[in-house]
Amino acid sequence: MSIFMPIVIGLIAVTLISLIPEPHRRLVNAVTVAGAGAAYLSGGGLGYWEFVLPVVMTYVAYRGLNSWTWIGIGWLLHTAWDVIHHLKGAPILPFAEQSSFGCAICDPVIALWCFAGGPSVLGWVRDRLSRKAQNAPQA
């Protein structure tokens, strides 16, 4: 499986999520991290160990209600769980053998954005284009 598509999917996810205005953006991300913790519960292949991540992610998501850093930590914890499943468990999508590997590539993209404070991607692009126009030589 290529690492290109999971990175693109991560960038698309970040862009779409960044369309949600603050402070709702952070709150939606915290809830999403909590849900990601339960992604493997329906048959992840690690037995009772599957209950560990949802418990940890619930705490992380709670802390993420007030902190982008905690949300980023949650995505990195999910990345670790993806790697374990890729190596020892069942894939996150039973019909896609490499799906846990892809998720392990995608999640850090989202985590990096969270560690940056979950900024608006379109706002960032708009600011960059505005600065570029201001710095352009006048004819």
Protein backbone atom coordinates (compact mmCIF):
# COMPACT_ATOMS: atom_id res chain seq x y z
CA MET A 1 0.00 0.00 0.00
CA SER A 2 1.26 3.42 -0.87
CA ILE A 3 1.79 5.98 1.86
CA PHE A 4 0.70 8.72 -0.54
CA MET A 5 -3.08 8.15 -0.28
CA PRO A 6 -3.21 7.99 3.55
CA ILE A 7 -1.33 11.29 3.68
CA VAL A 8 -3.75 12.81 1.17
CA ILE A 9 -6.70 11.47 3.19
CA GLY A 10 -5.19 13.03 6.34
CA LEU A 11 -4.80 16.37 4.58
CA ILE A 12 -8.37 16.23 3.29
CA ALA A 13 -9.64 15.35 6.78
CA VAL A 14 -7.71 18.26 8.32
CA THR A 15 -9.02 20.66 5.68
CA LEU A 16 -12.63 19.58 6.16
CA ILE A 17 -12.41 19.63 9.95
CA SER A 18 -10.82 23.06 9.84
CA LEU A 19 -14.00 24.41 8.22
CA ILE A 20 -15.74 24.07 11.59
CA PRO A 21 -15.44 27.37 13.47
CA GLU A 22 -13.69 27.53 16.82
CA PRO A 23 -14.33 26.63 19.62
CA HIS A 24 -16.54 23.93 18.10
CA ARG A 25 -13.63 22.63 15.99
CA ARG A 26 -11.71 21.53 19.09
CA LEU A 27 -14.81 20.01 20.70
CA VAL A 28 -15.70 18.01 17.57
CA ASN A 29 -12.11 16.76 17.40
CA ALA A 30 -12.20 15.65 21.03
CA VAL A 31 -15.38 13.66 20.37
CA THR A 32 -13.83 12.19 17.20
CA VAL A 33 -10.77 11.03 19.14
CA ALA A 34 -13.05 9.33 21.67
CA GLY A 35 -14.82 7.53 18.83
CA ALA A 36 -11.53 6.52 17.21
CA GLY A 37 -10.67 4.73 20.44
CA ALA A 38 -13.54 2.32 19.86
CA ALA A 39 -12.79 1.65 16.18
CA TYR A 40 -11.46 -1.88 16.75
CA LEU A 41 -14.04 -3.04 19.31
CA SER A 42 -16.10 -5.02 16.83
CA GLY A 43 -13.39 -7.56 16.12
CA GLY A 44 -9.90 -6.18 16.33
CA GLY A 45 -8.41 -9.53 17.18
CA LEU A 46 -6.66 -8.68 20.45
CA GLY A 47 -9.29 -10.08 22.81
CA TYR A 48 -9.85 -8.24 26.07
CA TRP A 49 -6.96 -5.89 25.29
CA GLU A 50 -9.33 -4.16 22.86
CA PHE A 51 -10.97 -2.52 25.89
CA VAL A 52 -7.77 -0.70 26.92
CA LEU A 53 -7.70 1.90 24.15
CA PRO A 54 -11.31 3.11 24.54
CA VAL A 55 -10.74 3.70 28.25
CA VAL A 56 -7.50 5.61 27.65
CA MET A 57 -8.97 7.55 24.73
CA THR A 58 -12.00 8.57 26.80
CA TYR A 59 -9.65 10.24 29.28
CA VAL A 60 -7.57 11.79 26.48
CA ALA A 61 -10.73 13.07 24.74
CA TYR A 62 -11.97 14.58 27.99
CA ARG A 63 -8.67 16.44 28.37
CA GLY A 64 -8.91 17.36 24.68
CA LEU A 65 -12.08 19.33 25.31
CA ASN A 66 -9.75 22.10 26.49
CA SER A 67 -6.46 21.23 24.78
CA TRP A 68 -5.36 20.65 21.20
CA THR A 69 -2.24 18.95 22.56
CA TRP A 70 -4.32 16.21 24.18
CA ILE A 71 -6.22 15.66 20.93
CA GLY A 72 -2.89 15.28 19.12
CA ILE A 73 -1.77 12.78 21.77
CA GLY A 74 -5.00 10.87 21.16
CA TRP A 75 -4.28 10.61 17.43
CA LEU A 76 -0.76 9.36 18.17
CA LEU A 77 -2.14 6.76 20.60
CA HIS A 78 -4.51 5.62 17.87
CA THR A 79 -1.52 5.44 15.51
CA ALA A 80 0.24 3.08 17.93
CA TRP A 81 -2.91 0.93 18.12
CA ASP A 82 -3.07 0.89 14.30
CA VAL A 83 0.51 -0.37 14.13
CA ILE A 84 -0.21 -3.13 16.68
CA HIS A 85 -3.24 -4.19 14.65
CA HIS A 86 -1.31 -4.10 11.41
CA LEU A 87 1.33 -6.40 12.91
CA LYS A 88 -0.69 -8.64 15.25
CA GLY A 89 -4.43 -8.01 15.05
CA ALA A 90 -7.17 -7.61 12.52
CA PRO A 91 -7.37 -4.62 10.14
CA ILE A 92 -9.62 -1.69 11.02
CA LEU A 93 -11.63 -2.42 7.84
CA PRO A 94 -12.05 -6.21 7.56
CA PHE A 95 -12.32 -6.05 3.75
CA ALA A 96 -9.10 -4.00 3.38
CA GLU A 97 -6.07 -5.88 4.65
CA GLN A 98 -3.76 -2.84 4.73
CA SER A 99 -6.31 -0.44 6.29
CA SER A 100 -4.63 -0.34 9.71
CA PHE A 101 -1.33 0.49 8.04
CA GLY A 102 -3.02 3.31 6.10
CA CYS A 103 -4.65 4.60 9.26
CA ALA A 104 -1.25 4.57 10.98
CA ILE A 105 0.03 6.90 8.24
CA CYS A 106 -3.07 9.15 8.18
CA ASP A 107 -3.44 9.70 11.94
CA PRO A 108 -0.07 11.45 12.50
CA VAL A 109 -1.00 13.97 9.79
CA ILE A 110 -4.05 14.88 11.87
CA ALA A 111 -1.97 14.83 15.07
CA LEU A 112 0.57 17.31 13.66
CA TRP A 113 -2.27 19.67 12.75
CA CYS A 114 -3.64 19.32 16.29
CA PHE A 115 -0.23 20.07 17.81
CA ALA A 116 -0.24 23.25 15.69
CA GLY A 117 -3.46 24.27 17.46
CA GLY A 118 -5.92 23.04 14.82
CA PRO A 119 -5.78 26.18 12.67
CA SER A 120 -8.12 26.89 9.79
CA VAL A 121 -6.43 25.55 6.65
CA LEU A 122 -8.32 27.92 4.37
CA GLY A 123 -7.45 30.84 6.66
CA TRP A 124 -3.79 29.83 6.55
CA VAL A 125 -3.86 29.64 2.73
CA ARG A 126 -5.64 33.00 2.54
CA ASP A 127 -3.00 34.60 4.83
CA ARG A 128 -0.14 33.15 2.78
CA LEU A 129 -1.61 34.41 -0.49
CA SER A 130 -2.26 37.83 1.04
CA ARG A 131 1.35 38.11 2.28
CA LYS A 132 2.64 36.96 -1.07
CA ALA A 133 0.57 39.65 -2.84
CA GLN A 134 1.84 42.32 -0.41
CA ASN A 135 5.46 41.33 -0.96
CA ALA A 136 5.19 41.16 -4.75
CA PRO A 137 7.24 43.83 -6.54
CA GLN A 138 5.16 46.75 -7.79
CA ALA A 139 5.31 47.37 -11.54
